[in-house]
Amino acid sequence: MTAMVSPINETVQRTARTFLWVLLGLFLAKGIIIALVSAPYSGHDEIAHYSYVKVLAEEGRLPLIPDLEEWRLAHATGGDTSFDEIPDEFYPYAGHFTTPDWLRGLAYIPREIFAEDGEWYPSGWIYTANHPPLYYLWLTPVYWLTDHLPTDQQMLFMRFATIPFGMATVAFAWLAARALFRNDLFLRALIPAFVALQPQIAYESSIINNDILAIMFCSAIFWLLLEGLRNGFSRKIVTWLGIAYGLAILGKSSSATMGAIIAMAMVLGIGWRNWRTWLMKGAAVVGIGGAITAPWLIFMWRTYGELTGLNRVAALQAWWNSQSDNPPTLLGELFNSTFFWFRWKETWGEFGWRLIELDGYMADVYGIGPRVPTFLTVILVIVLFGSAGGGIWYWRYRKAKEEGRKDEVFNPGQWQWIALWTMAAACVLGYYTVLQFGLSFRLTQARYYFPMIVPASMLLMLGFRSWLPSNLVRIGGAALFLSLVILNVLIYTGWVLPYWYPNAGAGVH
């Protein structure tokens, strides 16, 4: 199925291209600033990611997660209890990575712990060792070139090397907006702008972590799906989808869930009755992606007897991660206000591994108003307002259809309907992965749905666009962009910078 396309508005195209370069410049500058001002290894799991790179760069192999039963047997019999571990030099930063609260702040972490359950456990193992190697292979040359520097300086270059993945995410958001709304300047500009100025996306791009690699490849997949829905799933599109899907999984294993979104878009776009066509093309995507990921999957199966290694992680973390006293349920998480509020805080301000919390006390920050959590609440209200624009969009769609008026935003073609439903399904799937992970691990986090930032941005900006009458679209777009800029300024001047540099001025910490 190919789409009927409207004539290209060259003014919109030129303006949108110029705006993209402005966004990329802003994103690069912000990324460098974040990398420089954030305390060494204060990003979530930076120490563990660095330790992975260290093993790969110095020993030419992937780190391994210890087997709990084998380790206990060696511990009981006086055998070899060594394992791939986080180097001692990083223990002063222990508060920045996944450890129980009582271990934080110690000058070291013991290599073995007698836990409350009456069992011995190894401690300090590289808990990112079950992650695919693509991101770490990217950083290995950076490690070699900077190995002569102190670790805190070496860390900066690794952070800098991560920023391009965030910039590429912004570019893919721009391409996705071009594919779906090619002549609407509001959406062409604001969809990538929201991605670029969402505070946590930039933060993920400026610390040592593989989340941003998965976010980038998933964003590429969304763009390719939109191109396929608009122009048909050609052999070229299918090939690139397979490549992007395979690389996304090699970036982070959780990206495998994108297979469901690819399948939905192809079945609906090609037509479910044409099952031979979508089955063949879907098999090609899976085949290409499988060929790319096969070496990694074989390694995982041979090493851990499964494809994720999470069973071994769960066993090693059981002494403090156990939820058996009050096991969560999917519906329990979904309707738990505390669970939601934690995810909301993480969506906008998970700086320094929960050290800097945007509790929203504007009275503490700016001396304005009562001591209530207004900041995050205001953001929530604004986002809910934009989301409610979906109802306004449907009303305007019905009106445009009755009038027989062509409009790529409010009277979309069939392929655009499919695209919008696919984007909505992706957002639901993204949040479901957070809920599902939370059933087994206490540390489920909002960043697990960040790979869905492009569809989330599309739907939210479409909602805001729907509220605006035609004569206010330009000024409304400018106001929304300015609000996003102000949001970043408020967060960094009100919380982040005062936390790390308390003597430079008043702050919340």
Protein backbone atom coordinates (compact mmCIF):
# COMPACT_ATOMS: atom_id res chain seq x y z
CA MET A 1 0.00 0.00 0.00
CA THR A 2 1.41 3.36 -1.00
CA ALA A 3 0.11 6.67 0.26
CA MET A 4 -1.42 9.61 -1.53
CA VAL A 5 0.90 12.52 -0.79
CA SER A 6 0.23 16.22 -0.92
CA PRO A 7 2.46 18.62 -2.85
CA ILE A 8 5.62 19.56 -1.03
CA ASN A 9 5.71 22.98 0.59
CA GLU A 10 9.29 24.06 -0.05
CA THR A 11 9.16 26.82 2.55
CA VAL A 12 8.24 24.31 5.25
CA GLN A 13 11.02 21.98 4.11
CA ARG A 14 13.71 24.68 4.20
CA THR A 15 12.59 26.01 7.56
CA ALA A 16 12.42 22.52 9.04
CA ARG A 17 15.93 21.67 7.80
CA THR A 18 17.34 24.84 9.28
CA PHE A 19 15.56 24.15 12.57
CA LEU A 20 17.07 20.66 12.70
CA TRP A 21 20.59 22.08 12.59
CA VAL A 22 19.68 24.52 15.35
CA LEU A 23 18.37 21.65 17.46
CA LEU A 24 21.45 19.53 16.88
CA GLY A 25 23.69 22.45 17.84
CA LEU A 26 21.72 23.06 21.03
CA PHE A 27 21.73 19.37 21.87
CA LEU A 28 25.48 19.07 21.37
CA ALA A 29 26.17 22.11 23.53
CA LYS A 30 23.83 20.91 26.27
CA GLY A 31 25.34 17.42 26.15
CA ILE A 32 28.86 18.74 26.62
CA ILE A 33 27.74 20.92 29.53
CA ILE A 34 25.96 17.99 31.22
CA ALA A 35 29.01 15.78 30.80
CA LEU A 36 31.27 18.43 32.30
CA VAL A 37 29.14 19.51 35.27
CA SER A 38 27.89 16.09 36.40
CA ALA A 39 30.07 14.64 39.14
CA PRO A 40 32.36 11.75 38.12
CA TYR A 41 30.45 8.50 37.65
CA SER A 42 27.26 10.03 39.04
CA GLY A 43 25.15 8.76 36.15
CA HIS A 44 23.13 5.64 36.77
CA ASP A 45 25.34 2.55 36.51
CA GLU A 46 28.24 4.46 34.95
CA ILE A 47 30.75 2.57 37.08
CA ALA A 48 29.37 -0.79 35.99
CA HIS A 49 29.37 0.24 32.33
CA TYR A 50 32.94 1.51 32.64
CA SER A 51 33.99 -1.76 34.27
CA TYR A 52 32.52 -3.67 31.32
CA VAL A 53 34.58 -1.57 28.91
CA LYS A 54 37.68 -2.07 31.04
CA VAL A 55 37.45 -5.87 30.85
CA LEU A 56 36.73 -5.77 27.12
CA ALA A 57 39.52 -3.31 26.33
CA GLU A 58 42.21 -4.81 28.55
CA GLU A 59 41.44 -8.53 28.32
CA GLY A 60 39.73 -8.77 24.93
CA ARG A 61 36.70 -10.62 26.30
CA LEU A 62 33.27 -9.95 27.72
CA PRO A 63 32.84 -9.83 31.52
CA LEU A 64 30.91 -12.67 33.12
CA ILE A 65 28.32 -12.78 35.87
CA PRO A 66 29.30 -15.33 38.55
CA ASP A 67 27.19 -18.44 39.08
CA LEU A 68 25.83 -18.28 42.62
CA GLU A 69 25.88 -22.01 43.35
CA GLU A 70 29.40 -22.47 41.96
CA TRP A 71 30.61 -19.47 43.94
CA ARG A 72 29.05 -20.77 47.17
CA LEU A 73 30.63 -24.18 46.68
CA ALA A 74 34.05 -22.58 46.19
CA HIS A 75 33.44 -20.34 49.20
CA ALA A 76 32.54 -23.29 51.41
CA THR A 77 35.48 -25.45 50.28
CA GLY A 78 38.16 -22.77 50.14
CA GLY A 79 38.25 -22.76 46.35
CA ASP A 80 38.62 -19.91 43.88
CA THR A 81 35.94 -17.32 44.59
CA SER A 82 37.22 -14.64 42.21
CA PHE A 83 34.94 -13.08 39.62
CA ASP A 84 34.82 -10.10 37.27
CA GLU A 85 34.45 -7.24 39.67
CA ILE A 86 34.14 -3.48 39.80
CA PRO A 87 37.64 -2.10 40.54
CA ASP A 88 38.43 -0.86 44.04
CA GLU A 89 39.18 2.64 42.77
CA PHE A 90 35.47 3.19 42.12
CA TYR A 91 34.16 2.36 45.58
CA PRO A 92 34.11 6.02 46.68
CA TYR A 93 31.40 6.38 44.02
CA ALA A 94 29.38 3.46 45.38
CA GLY A 95 26.37 5.67 46.00
CA HIS A 96 25.98 6.07 42.26
CA PHE A 97 25.39 2.47 41.34
CA THR A 98 23.07 -0.36 42.27
CA THR A 99 23.79 -1.26 45.87
CA PRO A 100 21.68 -1.43 49.04
CA ASP A 101 21.50 1.83 50.95
CA TRP A 102 23.62 0.59 53.86
CA LEU A 103 26.58 -0.02 51.53
CA ARG A 104 26.61 3.49 50.11
CA GLY A 105 29.36 5.82 51.19
CA LEU A 106 31.78 3.08 52.23
CA ALA A 107 35.38 3.33 51.08
CA TYR A 108 35.01 -0.19 49.73
CA ILE A 109 32.41 -2.85 49.14
CA PRO A 110 33.09 -6.30 50.59
CA ARG A 111 33.58 -9.03 48.00
CA GLU A 112 31.31 -11.33 49.95
CA ILE A 113 28.30 -10.65 52.13
CA PHE A 114 26.50 -12.75 54.73
CA ALA A 115 22.95 -11.60 54.09
CA GLU A 116 19.87 -11.51 56.26
CA ASP A 117 18.59 -14.71 54.69
CA GLY A 118 21.51 -16.58 56.27
CA GLU A 119 23.35 -17.15 52.97
CA TRP A 120 26.65 -15.91 51.50
CA TYR A 121 26.61 -13.82 48.32
CA PRO A 122 29.36 -12.34 46.13
CA SER A 123 29.34 -8.54 45.98
CA GLY A 124 30.80 -6.00 43.58
CA TRP A 125 30.33 -8.11 40.44
CA ILE A 126 29.77 -6.31 37.14
CA TYR A 127 25.99 -6.41 36.99
CA THR A 128 25.91 -5.04 33.43
CA ALA A 129 27.78 -8.10 32.13
CA ASN A 130 24.62 -9.57 30.59
CA HIS A 131 24.23 -6.53 28.33
CA PRO A 132 25.01 -6.91 24.60
CA PRO A 133 28.46 -5.65 23.55
CA LEU A 134 27.75 -3.06 20.84
CA TYR A 135 27.94 0.05 23.01
CA TYR A 136 31.05 -1.21 24.79
CA LEU A 137 32.77 -2.03 21.51
CA TRP A 138 32.14 1.59 20.50
CA LEU A 139 33.85 2.85 23.67
CA THR A 140 36.78 0.44 23.56
CA PRO A 141 38.90 2.59 21.18
CA VAL A 142 38.09 5.61 23.38
CA TYR A 143 39.36 3.64 26.38
CA TRP A 144 42.59 2.73 24.58
CA LEU A 145 43.24 6.31 23.46
CA THR A 146 42.62 7.77 26.92
CA ASP A 147 44.05 5.00 29.10
CA HIS A 148 46.94 7.26 30.15
CA LEU A 149 44.55 9.77 31.74
CA PRO A 150 43.12 9.69 35.27
CA THR A 151 39.85 7.80 35.34
CA ASP A 152 37.70 10.89 35.94
CA GLN A 153 39.17 12.49 32.80
CA GLN A 154 38.86 9.26 30.83
CA MET A 155 35.23 9.17 31.89
CA LEU A 156 34.63 12.56 30.24
CA PHE A 157 35.81 11.33 26.85
CA MET A 158 33.53 8.30 27.16
CA ARG A 159 30.66 10.63 27.95
CA PHE A 160 31.50 12.80 24.96
CA ALA A 161 31.58 9.70 22.75
CA THR A 162 28.01 8.91 23.79
CA ILE A 163 26.52 12.28 22.79
CA PRO A 164 26.33 11.44 19.04
CA PHE A 165 23.75 8.75 19.77
CA GLY A 166 21.49 11.38 21.30
CA MET A 167 22.00 13.67 18.34
CA ALA A 168 21.10 10.83 15.99
CA THR A 169 17.94 10.24 18.04
CA VAL A 170 16.92 13.85 17.43
CA ALA A 171 17.64 13.43 13.71
CA PHE A 172 15.51 10.27 13.50
CA ALA A 173 12.69 12.08 15.30
CA TRP A 174 12.94 14.81 12.66
CA LEU A 175 12.85 12.22 9.86
CA ALA A 176 9.86 10.50 11.46
CA ALA A 177 8.00 13.81 11.69
CA ARG A 178 8.83 14.50 8.04
CA ALA A 179 7.46 11.11 7.02
CA LEU A 180 4.14 11.54 8.86
CA PHE A 181 3.47 15.30 8.69
CA ARG A 182 5.72 16.58 5.96
CA ASN A 183 4.01 19.94 5.35
CA ASP A 184 3.04 20.93 8.90
CA LEU A 185 5.80 23.12 10.29
CA PHE A 186 4.49 22.97 13.87
CA LEU A 187 4.82 19.19 14.03
CA ARG A 188 7.95 19.06 11.89
CA ALA A 189 9.67 21.35 14.38
CA LEU A 190 8.11 20.45 17.73
CA ILE A 191 8.34 16.65 17.50
CA PRO A 192 12.15 16.63 17.30
CA ALA A 193 12.31 19.65 19.63
CA PHE A 194 10.51 17.74 22.37
CA VAL A 195 12.94 14.84 21.94
CA ALA A 196 15.93 17.18 22.03
CA LEU A 197 14.72 19.14 25.04
CA GLN A 198 13.24 16.33 27.13
CA PRO A 199 15.71 16.57 30.04
CA GLN A 200 16.35 12.87 30.56
CA ILE A 201 17.01 12.07 26.90
CA ALA A 202 19.85 14.59 26.91
CA TYR A 203 21.08 13.19 30.23
CA GLU A 204 21.11 9.64 28.88
CA SER A 205 23.17 10.98 25.98
CA SER A 206 25.77 12.56 28.23
CA ILE A 207 26.68 9.75 30.61
CA ILE A 208 28.25 6.34 30.09
CA ASN A 209 25.31 4.04 29.44
CA ASN A 210 23.88 1.88 26.68
CA ASP A 211 20.27 3.06 27.02
CA ILE A 212 20.77 5.86 24.54
CA LEU A 213 22.06 3.41 21.92
CA ALA A 214 18.81 1.43 22.19
CA ILE A 215 16.82 4.68 22.12
CA MET A 216 18.59 5.73 18.93
CA PHE A 217 18.04 2.45 17.06
CA CYS A 218 14.40 2.23 18.17
CA SER A 219 13.91 5.79 16.89
CA ALA A 220 15.39 4.70 13.57
CA ILE A 221 12.93 1.79 13.46
CA PHE A 222 9.98 4.15 13.95
CA TRP A 223 11.17 6.32 11.08
CA LEU A 224 11.58 3.29 8.82
CA LEU A 225 8.13 2.01 9.75
CA LEU A 226 6.57 5.35 8.84
CA GLU A 227 8.40 5.36 5.52
CA GLY A 228 7.18 1.82 4.91
CA LEU A 229 3.59 2.74 5.72
CA ARG A 230 3.75 5.78 3.46
CA ASN A 231 5.58 4.33 0.46
CA GLY A 232 5.21 0.58 0.92
CA PHE A 233 7.51 -1.92 2.56
CA SER A 234 10.00 -2.23 -0.24
CA ARG A 235 12.96 -4.58 -0.17
CA LYS A 236 15.16 -1.64 0.83
CA ILE A 237 12.93 -0.65 3.77
CA VAL A 238 12.64 -4.26 4.92
CA THR A 239 16.42 -4.70 4.78
CA TRP A 240 17.09 -1.58 6.81
CA LEU A 241 14.39 -2.55 9.30
CA GLY A 242 16.14 -5.88 9.83
CA ILE A 243 19.50 -4.16 10.29
CA ALA A 244 18.11 -1.57 12.70
CA TYR A 245 16.24 -4.24 14.66
CA GLY A 246 19.34 -6.41 15.01
CA LEU A 247 21.51 -3.48 16.05
CA ALA A 248 18.88 -2.30 18.54
CA ILE A 249 19.00 -5.70 20.25
CA LEU A 250 22.80 -5.59 20.24
CA GLY A 251 22.48 -2.18 21.89
CA LYS A 252 20.17 -3.45 24.63
CA SER A 253 18.33 -6.76 24.79
CA SER A 254 15.04 -5.16 25.80
CA SER A 255 14.81 -3.75 22.26
CA ALA A 256 13.59 -7.18 21.17
CA THR A 257 10.08 -5.98 22.11
CA MET A 258 10.20 -3.74 19.03
CA GLY A 259 9.43 -6.88 17.04
CA ALA A 260 5.79 -6.57 18.11
CA ILE A 261 5.59 -2.99 16.80
CA ILE A 262 7.25 -3.94 13.51
CA ALA A 263 4.80 -6.81 13.10
CA MET A 264 1.79 -4.59 13.83
CA ALA A 265 2.85 -1.92 11.34
CA MET A 266 3.59 -4.43 8.58
CA VAL A 267 0.39 -6.46 9.02
CA LEU A 268 -1.85 -3.39 9.11
CA GLY A 269 0.11 -1.51 6.45
CA ILE A 270 0.26 -4.37 3.97
CA GLY A 271 -3.21 -5.64 4.88
CA TRP A 272 -3.89 -8.64 7.06
CA ARG A 273 -5.51 -10.49 4.13
CA ASN A 274 -2.20 -10.31 2.25
CA TRP A 275 -0.70 -12.68 4.77
CA ARG A 276 1.82 -14.21 2.38
CA THR A 277 3.35 -10.79 1.70
CA TRP A 278 3.62 -9.57 5.29
CA LEU A 279 4.69 -12.98 6.49
CA MET A 280 7.52 -13.07 3.96
CA LYS A 281 8.64 -9.51 4.66
CA GLY A 282 8.36 -10.00 8.41
CA ALA A 283 10.44 -13.15 8.15
CA ALA A 284 13.07 -11.16 6.26
CA VAL A 285 13.24 -8.58 9.06
CA VAL A 286 13.56 -11.32 11.67
CA GLY A 287 16.10 -13.19 9.56
CA ILE A 288 18.35 -10.17 9.07
CA GLY A 289 18.04 -9.14 12.70
CA GLY A 290 18.66 -12.71 13.79
CA ALA A 291 21.79 -13.00 11.69
CA ILE A 292 23.17 -9.85 13.30
CA THR A 293 22.38 -10.95 16.84
CA ALA A 294 23.14 -14.67 16.45
CA PRO A 295 26.74 -14.59 17.80
CA TRP A 296 25.57 -12.76 20.91
CA LEU A 297 22.59 -15.03 21.49
CA ILE A 298 24.72 -18.14 21.06
CA PHE A 299 27.24 -16.74 23.56
CA MET A 300 24.48 -16.04 26.08
CA TRP A 301 22.94 -19.49 25.72
CA ARG A 302 26.26 -21.24 26.12
CA THR A 303 27.28 -19.07 29.06
CA TYR A 304 24.06 -18.73 31.03
CA GLY A 305 21.70 -21.32 29.56
CA GLU A 306 19.28 -18.57 28.54
CA LEU A 307 19.23 -15.51 26.30
CA THR A 308 19.13 -12.67 28.87
CA GLY A 309 21.15 -13.77 31.91
CA LEU A 310 18.47 -12.24 34.14
CA ASN A 311 17.92 -15.47 36.07
CA ARG A 312 21.52 -15.35 37.27
CA VAL A 313 21.20 -11.64 38.08
CA ALA A 314 18.01 -12.30 40.04
CA ALA A 315 19.68 -15.08 42.04
CA LEU A 316 22.65 -12.90 42.96
CA GLN A 317 20.43 -9.98 43.97
CA ALA A 318 17.85 -12.07 45.80
CA TRP A 319 19.14 -11.08 49.25
CA TRP A 320 18.03 -7.48 48.82
CA ASN A 321 15.81 -7.55 45.74
CA SER A 322 13.33 -10.12 47.06
CA GLN A 323 9.70 -9.09 46.83
CA SER A 324 8.29 -12.34 48.17
CA ASP A 325 6.93 -10.59 51.27
CA ASN A 326 4.55 -8.56 49.11
CA PRO A 327 4.87 -9.64 45.48
CA PRO A 328 3.61 -7.00 43.06
CA THR A 329 1.00 -7.60 40.39
CA LEU A 330 0.59 -5.98 37.01
CA LEU A 331 -2.67 -4.29 37.96
CA GLY A 332 -1.29 -3.39 41.36
CA GLU A 333 1.56 -1.48 39.75
CA LEU A 334 -0.67 0.06 37.11
CA PHE A 335 -3.04 1.60 39.65
CA ASN A 336 -0.49 2.35 42.36
CA SER A 337 -0.08 6.12 42.68
CA THR A 338 3.33 5.79 44.36
CA PHE A 339 4.59 3.58 41.54
CA PHE A 340 3.35 6.10 38.98
CA TRP A 341 4.80 9.08 40.81
CA PHE A 342 8.23 7.47 41.01
CA ARG A 343 8.15 6.84 37.26
CA TRP A 344 7.04 10.42 36.67
CA LYS A 345 9.91 11.82 38.74
CA GLU A 346 12.34 9.58 36.85
CA THR A 347 10.94 10.76 33.52
CA TRP A 348 11.92 14.36 34.19
CA GLY A 349 14.72 14.35 36.73
CA GLU A 350 16.67 11.16 37.42
CA PHE A 351 19.98 13.00 37.74
CA GLY A 352 22.76 11.46 39.79
CA TRP A 353 21.06 8.11 40.44
CA ARG A 354 18.25 9.43 42.63
CA LEU A 355 20.55 11.82 44.45
CA ILE A 356 18.89 14.87 42.89
CA GLU A 357 15.13 14.59 43.20
CA LEU A 358 12.83 17.07 41.54
CA ASP A 359 10.34 17.06 44.36
CA GLY A 360 9.10 20.35 43.10
CA TYR A 361 9.61 22.49 46.18
CA MET A 362 9.53 25.82 44.40
CA ALA A 363 9.57 27.60 47.76
CA ASP A 364 12.98 26.04 48.47
CA VAL A 365 14.33 26.77 45.02
CA TYR A 366 12.97 30.18 44.16
CA GLY A 367 11.13 31.31 47.28
CA ILE A 368 7.86 31.19 45.36
CA GLY A 369 4.59 29.82 46.72
CA PRO A 370 3.84 27.19 49.38
CA ARG A 371 6.05 24.19 50.11
CA VAL A 372 4.13 21.77 47.89
CA PRO A 373 5.35 19.62 44.99
CA THR A 374 4.27 22.08 42.33
CA PHE A 375 7.02 21.67 39.75
CA LEU A 376 6.39 18.07 38.70
CA THR A 377 2.66 18.55 39.19
CA VAL A 378 2.65 21.49 36.79
CA ILE A 379 4.51 19.40 34.22
CA LEU A 380 1.97 16.61 34.68
CA VAL A 381 -0.95 18.99 34.19
CA ILE A 382 0.61 20.41 31.02
CA VAL A 383 1.27 16.94 29.62
CA LEU A 384 -2.27 15.84 30.45
CA PHE A 385 -3.57 18.96 28.69
CA GLY A 386 -1.57 18.07 25.59
CA SER A 387 -2.74 14.47 25.78
CA ALA A 388 -6.35 15.59 26.06
CA GLY A 389 -5.82 17.29 22.72
CA GLY A 390 -6.31 13.85 21.23
CA GLY A 391 -10.04 14.31 21.81
CA ILE A 392 -9.91 17.72 20.15
CA TRP A 393 -8.02 16.17 17.24
CA TYR A 394 -10.79 13.61 16.72
CA TRP A 395 -13.43 16.34 16.78
CA ARG A 396 -11.50 18.34 14.16
CA TYR A 397 -11.04 15.18 12.11
CA ARG A 398 -14.78 14.56 12.05
CA LYS A 399 -15.40 18.15 11.04
CA ALA A 400 -12.79 18.07 8.25
CA LYS A 401 -14.21 14.80 6.95
CA GLU A 402 -17.76 16.15 6.86
CA GLU A 403 -16.56 19.21 4.96
CA GLY A 404 -14.55 17.06 2.55
CA ARG A 405 -11.51 19.18 3.33
CA LYS A 406 -8.07 17.68 2.67
CA ASP A 407 -5.74 18.09 5.64
CA GLU A 408 -2.73 15.91 6.41
CA VAL A 409 -3.09 16.66 10.13
CA PHE A 410 -6.85 16.58 10.72
CA ASN A 411 -8.06 14.44 7.82
CA PRO A 412 -5.32 11.85 7.45
CA GLY A 413 -5.20 9.05 4.95
CA GLN A 414 -5.51 5.40 5.86
CA TRP A 415 -1.76 4.92 6.20
CA GLN A 416 -1.55 7.81 8.66
CA TRP A 417 -4.31 6.29 10.76
CA ILE A 418 -2.34 3.06 10.88
CA ALA A 419 0.78 5.03 11.77
CA LEU A 420 -0.94 6.83 14.65
CA TRP A 421 -2.36 3.59 16.03
CA THR A 422 1.10 2.04 15.78
CA MET A 423 2.61 4.95 17.68
CA ALA A 424 -0.05 4.62 20.38
CA ALA A 425 0.58 0.88 20.67
CA ALA A 426 4.32 1.55 21.03
CA CYS A 427 3.68 3.88 23.97
CA VAL A 428 1.51 1.28 25.67
CA LEU A 429 4.13 -1.41 25.08
CA GLY A 430 6.85 0.87 26.45
CA TYR A 431 5.05 1.34 29.74
CA TYR A 432 4.16 -2.33 29.88
CA THR A 433 7.87 -3.22 29.82
CA VAL A 434 8.36 -1.04 32.90
CA LEU A 435 5.49 -2.78 34.67
CA GLN A 436 6.69 -6.23 33.64
CA PHE A 437 10.25 -5.64 34.83
CA GLY A 438 8.87 -4.39 38.12
CA LEU A 439 7.25 -7.77 38.77
CA SER A 440 10.69 -9.33 39.26
CA PHE A 441 13.01 -6.46 40.19
CA ARG A 442 12.53 -3.56 42.56
CA LEU A 443 14.58 -1.26 40.39
CA THR A 444 12.28 -0.89 37.42
CA GLN A 445 12.75 2.65 36.06
CA ALA A 446 11.17 5.12 33.68
CA ARG A 447 14.14 5.02 31.33
CA TYR A 448 13.00 1.59 30.16
CA TYR A 449 10.26 3.28 28.12
CA PHE A 450 12.52 6.01 26.73
CA PRO A 451 13.00 4.03 23.47
CA MET A 452 9.40 5.10 22.76
CA ILE A 453 10.28 8.80 22.94
CA VAL A 454 9.55 9.37 19.23
CA PRO A 455 5.95 8.03 19.24
CA ALA A 456 5.32 9.70 22.60
CA SER A 457 6.53 13.02 21.18
CA MET A 458 4.40 12.59 18.06
CA LEU A 459 1.19 11.97 19.94
CA LEU A 460 1.82 14.68 22.54
CA MET A 461 2.71 17.35 20.00
CA LEU A 462 -0.26 16.37 17.84
CA GLY A 463 -2.41 16.92 20.93
CA PHE A 464 -0.99 20.39 21.51
CA ARG A 465 -1.37 21.17 17.80
CA SER A 466 -5.05 20.22 17.99
CA TRP A 467 -5.80 22.80 20.67
CA LEU A 468 -4.53 25.67 18.52
CA PRO A 469 -6.74 27.50 16.01
CA SER A 470 -5.14 28.12 12.64
CA ASN A 471 -4.21 31.71 13.38
CA LEU A 472 -2.36 30.77 16.57
CA VAL A 473 -0.33 27.78 15.34
CA ARG A 474 2.89 29.72 14.81
CA ILE A 475 2.82 31.66 18.05
CA GLY A 476 1.71 28.56 19.92
CA GLY A 477 4.60 26.56 18.48
CA ALA A 478 7.08 29.26 19.42
CA ALA A 479 5.65 29.44 22.94
CA LEU A 480 5.85 25.68 23.38
CA PHE A 481 9.45 25.57 22.17
CA LEU A 482 10.38 28.42 24.51
CA SER A 483 8.66 26.60 27.38
CA LEU A 484 10.80 23.53 26.75
CA VAL A 485 13.94 25.66 26.82
CA ILE A 486 12.83 27.32 30.07
CA LEU A 487 12.10 23.90 31.56
CA ASN A 488 15.70 22.83 31.02
CA VAL A 489 17.04 26.10 32.42
CA LEU A 490 14.87 25.78 35.55
CA ILE A 491 15.91 22.19 36.19
CA TYR A 492 19.62 22.84 35.86
CA THR A 493 19.77 26.19 37.63
CA GLY A 494 17.29 25.20 40.33
CA TRP A 495 18.40 21.66 41.16
CA VAL A 496 21.28 20.09 39.25
CA LEU A 497 23.95 22.78 39.39
CA PRO A 498 23.18 23.80 43.01
CA TYR A 499 23.47 20.16 44.06
CA TRP A 500 26.95 19.65 42.61
CA TYR A 501 28.14 23.20 43.29
CA PRO A 502 26.36 24.28 46.50
CA ASN A 503 28.81 27.11 47.15
CA ALA A 504 28.03 28.73 43.82
CA GLY A 505 24.59 29.84 44.94
CA ALA A 506 21.41 28.89 46.74
CA GLY A 507 19.79 25.62 45.79
CA VAL A 508 17.70 22.79 47.07
CA HIS A 509 20.59 20.80 48.51
